[in-house]
Amino acid sequence: MFKNRLLCEKRREGESEEEFRERQRLARRLCGIKRRIAVLSGKGGVGKSTVAANVAVALAAKGYSTGLLDVDIHGPSIPTLLGLENQPIYGEKEGLIPVDFEGLKVVSAGFLLRSQDEAIVWRGPMKANIIRQFVSEVLWDELDYLVVDCPPGTGDEPLSVCHTLECVDGALIVTTPQKVAAVDVMKCVNFCKTLKIPVIGVIENMSGFLCPKCNTVTYIFRSGGGRELCKQMKVPFLGVIPIDPDIAYACDVGKPFVRDFPESPATRKILEIVETIEKKLPTQKESDEQTKEACL
């Protein structure tokens, strides 16, 4: 269940002394984080960042020390979703200091941009290096959970994130009902299997429109695709989140819907997902001992 993080006791084959020292430094920086959760999607525009932000807010509201890291270089949405646009991020000699959002520690690639409309025009290797540096330079201190909003897809960028984190305890995969999105989920599941990352489950977002007047759900896209896919891929299906005008409003004004719309079906689903995380990735007992051992 909990991966042993004694990763830096010896040099890997082909690893230089400098690379080994850097890996040791990174391990010491991250060893206070008990659980690392990657939020993935096979393609953009499926609501991955919305799920990541609200899961992190819900964990923090339950009293867990929680961090939210947005490393979606080309589309950092977390500042908008939490009302933190144009928020400066400060650093000290040791690294970057997370921004506080009601007890949630937040770091986003968007905090580093000069303006919200600034385009990132970098080639792959440079983006990978920036991601590694970004992940490794944050001063998280002690965390129960770190929720990481990864770049979409299964290419260099999410790969760089997962490799830099060393141990990812579980992945949430976000999709929508369309067939084209389902194909990308299969790639995400296989990405996790290749990297030996346990899949906490798949969330089908934008599954039907919830009428605010009568609470009837109208299915705009085909339904049931996520459940069928999970059965085929043998991974857990965590349920559906409908299209809800309240969610759209909350995202636009920078307020987490789990806080402002507690009766929303989307909020209930996010809280169910958080309960699943608590059961599958507990932060006490064995976790504490092994994390402590890894930091010695």
Protein backbone atom coordinates (compact mmCIF):
# COMPACT_ATOMS: atom_id res chain seq x y z
CA MET A 1 0.00 0.00 0.00
CA PHE A 2 2.57 2.59 1.09
CA LYS A 3 5.72 2.63 -1.01
CA ASN A 4 8.98 2.62 0.89
CA ARG A 5 10.83 5.83 0.08
CA LEU A 6 14.34 4.71 0.88
CA LEU A 7 15.28 5.70 -2.65
CA CYS A 8 18.61 7.41 -2.16
CA GLU A 9 20.67 4.95 -0.16
CA LYS A 10 22.85 4.12 -3.15
CA ARG A 11 23.63 5.45 -6.58
CA ARG A 12 21.68 4.07 -9.52
CA GLU A 13 23.41 2.40 -12.41
CA GLY A 14 24.77 5.05 -14.78
CA GLU A 15 24.02 7.88 -12.36
CA SER A 16 26.71 10.51 -11.88
CA GLU A 17 27.78 11.76 -8.46
CA GLU A 18 26.10 15.10 -9.17
CA GLU A 19 22.84 13.42 -10.20
CA PHE A 20 22.94 11.24 -7.08
CA ARG A 21 23.44 14.26 -4.82
CA GLU A 22 20.58 16.08 -6.54
CA ARG A 23 18.30 13.08 -6.00
CA GLN A 24 19.27 12.97 -2.34
CA ARG A 25 18.50 16.67 -1.99
CA LEU A 26 15.12 16.22 -3.64
CA ALA A 27 14.28 13.24 -1.43
CA ARG A 28 15.02 15.28 1.68
CA ARG A 29 12.86 18.14 0.34
CA LEU A 30 9.89 15.85 -0.31
CA CYS A 31 10.21 13.40 2.56
CA GLY A 32 7.78 15.34 4.76
CA ILE A 33 4.96 14.59 2.29
CA LYS A 34 3.10 11.46 3.35
CA ARG A 35 0.92 10.97 0.27
CA ARG A 36 1.39 12.20 -3.30
CA ILE A 37 -1.64 12.13 -5.58
CA ALA A 38 -1.40 12.86 -9.31
CA VAL A 39 -4.53 14.12 -11.08
CA LEU A 40 -4.27 13.09 -14.74
CA SER A 41 -6.26 13.33 -17.94
CA GLY A 42 -5.62 11.97 -21.40
CA LYS A 43 -6.59 15.29 -22.99
CA GLY A 44 -7.26 18.88 -21.99
CA GLY A 45 -10.67 20.41 -21.33
CA VAL A 46 -12.15 17.60 -19.24
CA GLY A 47 -12.19 19.43 -15.89
CA LYS A 48 -9.00 17.94 -14.45
CA SER A 49 -7.95 21.15 -12.69
CA THR A 50 -11.45 21.69 -11.28
CA VAL A 51 -11.38 18.21 -9.75
CA ALA A 52 -7.83 18.67 -8.43
CA ALA A 53 -8.64 22.03 -6.81
CA ASN A 54 -11.81 20.86 -5.12
CA VAL A 55 -10.34 17.56 -3.91
CA ALA A 56 -7.47 19.52 -2.34
CA VAL A 57 -9.84 22.06 -0.74
CA ALA A 58 -12.01 19.23 0.63
CA LEU A 59 -8.99 17.42 2.12
CA ALA A 60 -7.81 20.65 3.78
CA ALA A 61 -11.33 21.29 5.12
CA LYS A 62 -11.23 17.89 6.84
CA GLY A 63 -8.16 18.98 8.77
CA TYR A 64 -5.43 17.38 6.67
CA SER A 65 -2.29 19.37 5.98
CA THR A 66 -2.65 19.60 2.21
CA GLY A 67 -0.69 21.05 -0.69
CA LEU A 68 -1.89 21.72 -4.24
CA LEU A 69 0.75 21.86 -6.97
CA ASP A 70 -0.26 23.06 -10.43
CA VAL A 71 2.37 22.05 -12.98
CA ASP A 72 0.17 22.37 -16.06
CA ILE A 73 2.72 24.63 -17.76
CA HIS A 74 0.60 25.65 -20.77
CA GLY A 75 -2.72 25.98 -18.97
CA PRO A 76 -2.30 26.71 -15.25
CA SER A 77 -5.94 27.02 -14.13
CA ILE A 78 -5.58 26.80 -10.36
CA PRO A 79 -5.06 30.57 -9.81
CA THR A 80 -8.35 31.28 -11.62
CA LEU A 81 -10.26 28.49 -9.85
CA LEU A 82 -9.19 29.72 -6.40
CA GLY A 83 -9.29 33.46 -7.08
CA LEU A 84 -5.51 33.80 -6.91
CA GLU A 85 -4.83 35.51 -10.25
CA ASN A 86 -1.89 37.91 -10.22
CA GLN A 87 -0.84 36.44 -6.89
CA PRO A 88 2.92 36.85 -6.43
CA ILE A 89 4.91 33.95 -5.08
CA TYR A 90 7.83 34.62 -2.81
CA GLY A 91 10.98 32.67 -2.22
CA GLU A 92 13.90 32.52 0.11
CA LYS A 93 17.33 31.01 -0.16
CA GLU A 94 16.02 27.47 0.32
CA GLY A 95 13.16 27.66 -2.19
CA LEU A 96 9.63 28.86 -3.05
CA ILE A 97 7.06 29.56 -0.33
CA PRO A 98 3.54 28.24 -1.11
CA VAL A 99 0.62 30.67 -1.18
CA ASP A 100 -1.93 30.10 1.58
CA PHE A 101 -5.58 29.59 0.57
CA GLU A 102 -7.66 29.03 3.71
CA GLY A 103 -5.10 26.61 5.10
CA LEU A 104 -4.35 24.96 1.74
CA LYS A 105 -0.79 25.44 0.48
CA VAL A 106 -0.88 26.34 -3.22
CA VAL A 107 1.85 26.61 -5.82
CA SER A 108 1.06 27.13 -9.50
CA ALA A 109 3.08 27.64 -12.63
CA GLY A 110 0.67 30.53 -13.22
CA PHE A 111 2.23 32.42 -10.30
CA LEU A 112 5.47 32.67 -12.28
CA LEU A 113 3.98 34.30 -15.39
CA ARG A 114 4.27 38.05 -15.91
CA SER A 115 0.68 38.19 -17.18
CA GLN A 116 -2.20 35.73 -17.56
CA ASP A 117 -2.02 35.85 -21.36
CA GLU A 118 1.71 35.14 -21.55
CA ALA A 119 2.39 32.16 -23.83
CA ILE A 120 4.93 29.49 -22.89
CA VAL A 121 6.93 28.84 -26.06
CA TRP A 122 9.45 26.22 -24.96
CA ARG A 123 10.71 23.02 -26.50
CA GLY A 124 10.22 19.68 -24.74
CA PRO A 125 13.59 19.34 -22.95
CA MET A 126 13.36 22.86 -21.56
CA LYS A 127 9.83 22.24 -20.28
CA ALA A 128 10.95 19.01 -18.63
CA ASN A 129 13.84 20.80 -16.91
CA ILE A 130 11.58 23.62 -15.72
CA ILE A 131 9.04 21.13 -14.34
CA ARG A 132 11.75 19.23 -12.46
CA GLN A 133 13.12 22.46 -11.03
CA PHE A 134 9.65 23.73 -10.15
CA VAL A 135 8.63 20.54 -8.32
CA SER A 136 11.91 20.33 -6.42
CA GLU A 137 12.15 23.98 -5.28
CA VAL A 138 8.95 24.29 -3.21
CA LEU A 139 9.18 24.43 0.60
CA TRP A 140 6.19 22.24 1.52
CA ASP A 141 7.31 21.32 5.03
CA GLU A 142 5.07 18.56 6.49
CA LEU A 143 2.05 17.51 4.41
CA ASP A 144 -0.52 14.75 4.77
CA TYR A 145 -1.46 15.01 1.09
CA LEU A 146 0.05 16.69 -1.95
CA VAL A 147 -2.42 16.92 -4.85
CA VAL A 148 -0.64 17.49 -8.15
CA ASP A 149 -2.52 18.93 -11.14
CA CYS A 150 -0.46 17.37 -13.94
CA PRO A 151 -0.23 18.50 -17.56
CA PRO A 152 -2.71 16.62 -19.79
CA GLY A 153 -1.64 13.65 -21.86
CA THR A 154 0.98 10.98 -21.30
CA GLY A 155 4.07 12.64 -22.79
CA ASP A 156 7.24 14.25 -21.51
CA GLU A 157 5.55 16.73 -19.16
CA PRO A 158 3.49 14.37 -16.93
CA LEU A 159 6.36 11.90 -17.13
CA SER A 160 8.75 14.56 -15.78
CA VAL A 161 6.34 15.34 -12.94
CA CYS A 162 5.98 11.71 -11.86
CA HIS A 163 9.71 10.99 -12.11
CA THR A 164 10.57 14.09 -10.09
CA LEU A 165 8.10 13.14 -7.35
CA GLU A 166 9.83 9.71 -7.26
CA CYS A 167 6.90 7.97 -5.51
CA VAL A 168 3.34 8.76 -6.56
CA ASP A 169 0.97 6.95 -4.22
CA GLY A 170 -2.06 7.11 -6.46
CA ALA A 171 -3.63 8.71 -9.51
CA LEU A 172 -7.06 10.19 -10.13
CA ILE A 173 -7.94 10.10 -13.84
CA VAL A 174 -10.53 12.57 -15.11
CA THR A 175 -12.47 12.03 -18.32
CA THR A 176 -15.70 13.00 -20.07
CA PRO A 177 -18.31 10.68 -21.61
CA GLN A 178 -17.25 11.07 -25.26
CA LYS A 179 -15.60 8.13 -26.97
CA VAL A 180 -12.53 10.18 -27.94
CA ALA A 181 -11.92 10.98 -24.25
CA ALA A 182 -12.37 7.33 -23.27
CA VAL A 183 -9.58 6.27 -25.63
CA ASP A 184 -7.28 8.77 -23.93
CA VAL A 185 -8.20 7.37 -20.52
CA MET A 186 -6.93 3.97 -21.63
CA LYS A 187 -3.62 5.64 -22.41
CA CYS A 188 -3.60 7.24 -18.95
CA VAL A 189 -4.27 3.91 -17.25
CA ASN A 190 -1.46 2.27 -19.21
CA PHE A 191 0.79 5.25 -18.37
CA CYS A 192 0.15 4.57 -14.68
CA LYS A 193 0.77 0.84 -15.09
CA THR A 194 4.07 1.52 -16.84
CA LEU A 195 5.20 3.81 -14.00
CA LYS A 196 3.72 1.48 -11.35
CA ILE A 197 1.37 4.18 -10.07
CA PRO A 198 -1.81 2.75 -8.46
CA VAL A 199 -4.99 4.13 -10.03
CA ILE A 200 -7.28 5.38 -7.26
CA GLY A 201 -10.04 5.61 -9.82
CA VAL A 202 -11.58 7.25 -12.87
CA ILE A 203 -14.00 10.18 -12.62
CA GLU A 204 -16.43 10.87 -15.47
CA ASN A 205 -16.92 14.64 -15.52
CA MET A 206 -19.60 16.64 -17.41
CA SER A 207 -21.82 13.57 -17.46
CA GLY A 208 -25.22 15.04 -18.23
CA PHE A 209 -26.69 18.49 -17.53
CA LEU A 210 -28.27 19.04 -14.13
CA CYS A 211 -31.27 21.36 -14.45
CA PRO A 212 -31.14 23.91 -11.61
CA LYS A 213 -34.97 24.14 -11.58
CA CYS A 214 -36.11 20.52 -11.44
CA ASN A 215 -32.82 18.67 -10.74
CA THR A 216 -33.39 16.45 -13.77
CA VAL A 217 -30.24 15.22 -15.51
CA THR A 218 -30.25 15.45 -19.31
CA TYR A 219 -27.49 13.45 -21.00
CA ILE A 220 -25.93 15.62 -23.70
CA PHE A 221 -23.18 13.12 -24.48
CA ARG A 222 -23.38 9.34 -24.38
CA SER A 223 -23.44 8.02 -20.81
CA GLY A 224 -21.88 5.01 -19.13
CA GLY A 225 -18.65 5.09 -21.14
CA GLY A 226 -16.44 5.66 -18.11
CA ARG A 227 -17.94 2.75 -16.18
CA GLU A 228 -17.59 0.39 -19.15
CA LEU A 229 -14.01 1.46 -19.70
CA CYS A 230 -13.09 0.90 -16.05
CA LYS A 231 -14.53 -2.59 -16.15
CA GLN A 232 -12.50 -3.29 -19.29
CA MET A 233 -9.27 -1.85 -17.82
CA LYS A 234 -9.91 -3.33 -14.34
CA VAL A 235 -9.59 -0.03 -12.49
CA PRO A 236 -12.07 1.54 -10.02
CA PHE A 237 -14.83 3.80 -11.31
CA LEU A 238 -15.43 6.64 -8.84
CA GLY A 239 -18.63 7.96 -10.39
CA VAL A 240 -19.93 10.87 -12.44
CA ILE A 241 -20.03 14.65 -11.98
CA PRO A 242 -22.83 16.37 -13.94
CA ILE A 243 -22.65 19.72 -15.73
CA ASP A 244 -23.96 22.12 -13.11
CA PRO A 245 -24.41 25.92 -13.56
CA ASP A 246 -23.29 26.38 -9.94
CA ILE A 247 -19.94 24.76 -10.76
CA ALA A 248 -19.48 27.02 -13.78
CA TYR A 249 -20.26 30.07 -11.64
CA ALA A 250 -17.89 29.00 -8.85
CA CYS A 251 -15.04 28.41 -11.31
CA ASP A 252 -15.55 31.79 -12.98
CA VAL A 253 -15.53 33.78 -9.74
CA GLY A 254 -12.64 31.84 -8.19
CA LYS A 255 -14.48 29.99 -5.43
CA PRO A 256 -14.25 26.22 -4.77
CA PHE A 257 -17.72 24.73 -5.25
CA VAL A 258 -17.20 22.18 -2.46
CA ARG A 259 -17.16 25.11 -0.05
CA ASP A 260 -19.77 27.42 -1.58
CA PHE A 261 -22.29 24.81 -2.81
CA PRO A 262 -22.30 22.06 -0.16
CA GLU A 263 -25.59 20.56 -1.40
CA SER A 264 -24.46 20.24 -5.02
CA PRO A 265 -24.30 16.68 -6.46
CA ALA A 266 -20.78 17.57 -7.61
CA THR A 267 -19.79 18.40 -4.03
CA ARG A 268 -21.23 15.12 -2.77
CA LYS A 269 -19.24 13.26 -5.40
CA ILE A 270 -16.00 15.07 -4.53
CA LEU A 271 -16.53 14.22 -0.84
CA GLU A 272 -17.06 10.56 -1.78
CA ILE A 273 -13.78 10.67 -3.71
CA VAL A 274 -12.04 12.16 -0.68
CA GLU A 275 -13.39 9.30 1.47
CA THR A 276 -11.97 6.84 -1.06
CA ILE A 277 -8.59 8.60 -0.84
CA GLU A 278 -8.68 8.39 2.97
CA LYS A 279 -9.36 4.65 2.83
CA LYS A 280 -6.86 3.80 0.10
CA LEU A 281 -4.14 6.23 1.15
CA PRO A 282 -4.23 6.66 4.94
CA THR A 283 -1.74 9.08 6.43
CA GLN A 284 -1.20 7.52 9.85
CA LYS A 285 0.57 4.57 11.51
CA GLU A 286 2.59 2.69 8.89
CA SER A 287 2.79 5.80 6.70
CA ASP A 288 4.27 7.92 9.49
CA GLU A 289 6.87 5.34 10.40
CA GLN A 290 8.07 4.72 6.85
CA THR A 291 8.15 8.41 5.96
CA LYS A 292 10.15 9.12 9.10
CA GLU A 293 12.54 6.28 8.26
CA ALA A 294 13.02 7.60 4.72
CA CYS A 295 14.07 11.00 6.04
CA LEU A 296 16.81 9.75 8.31
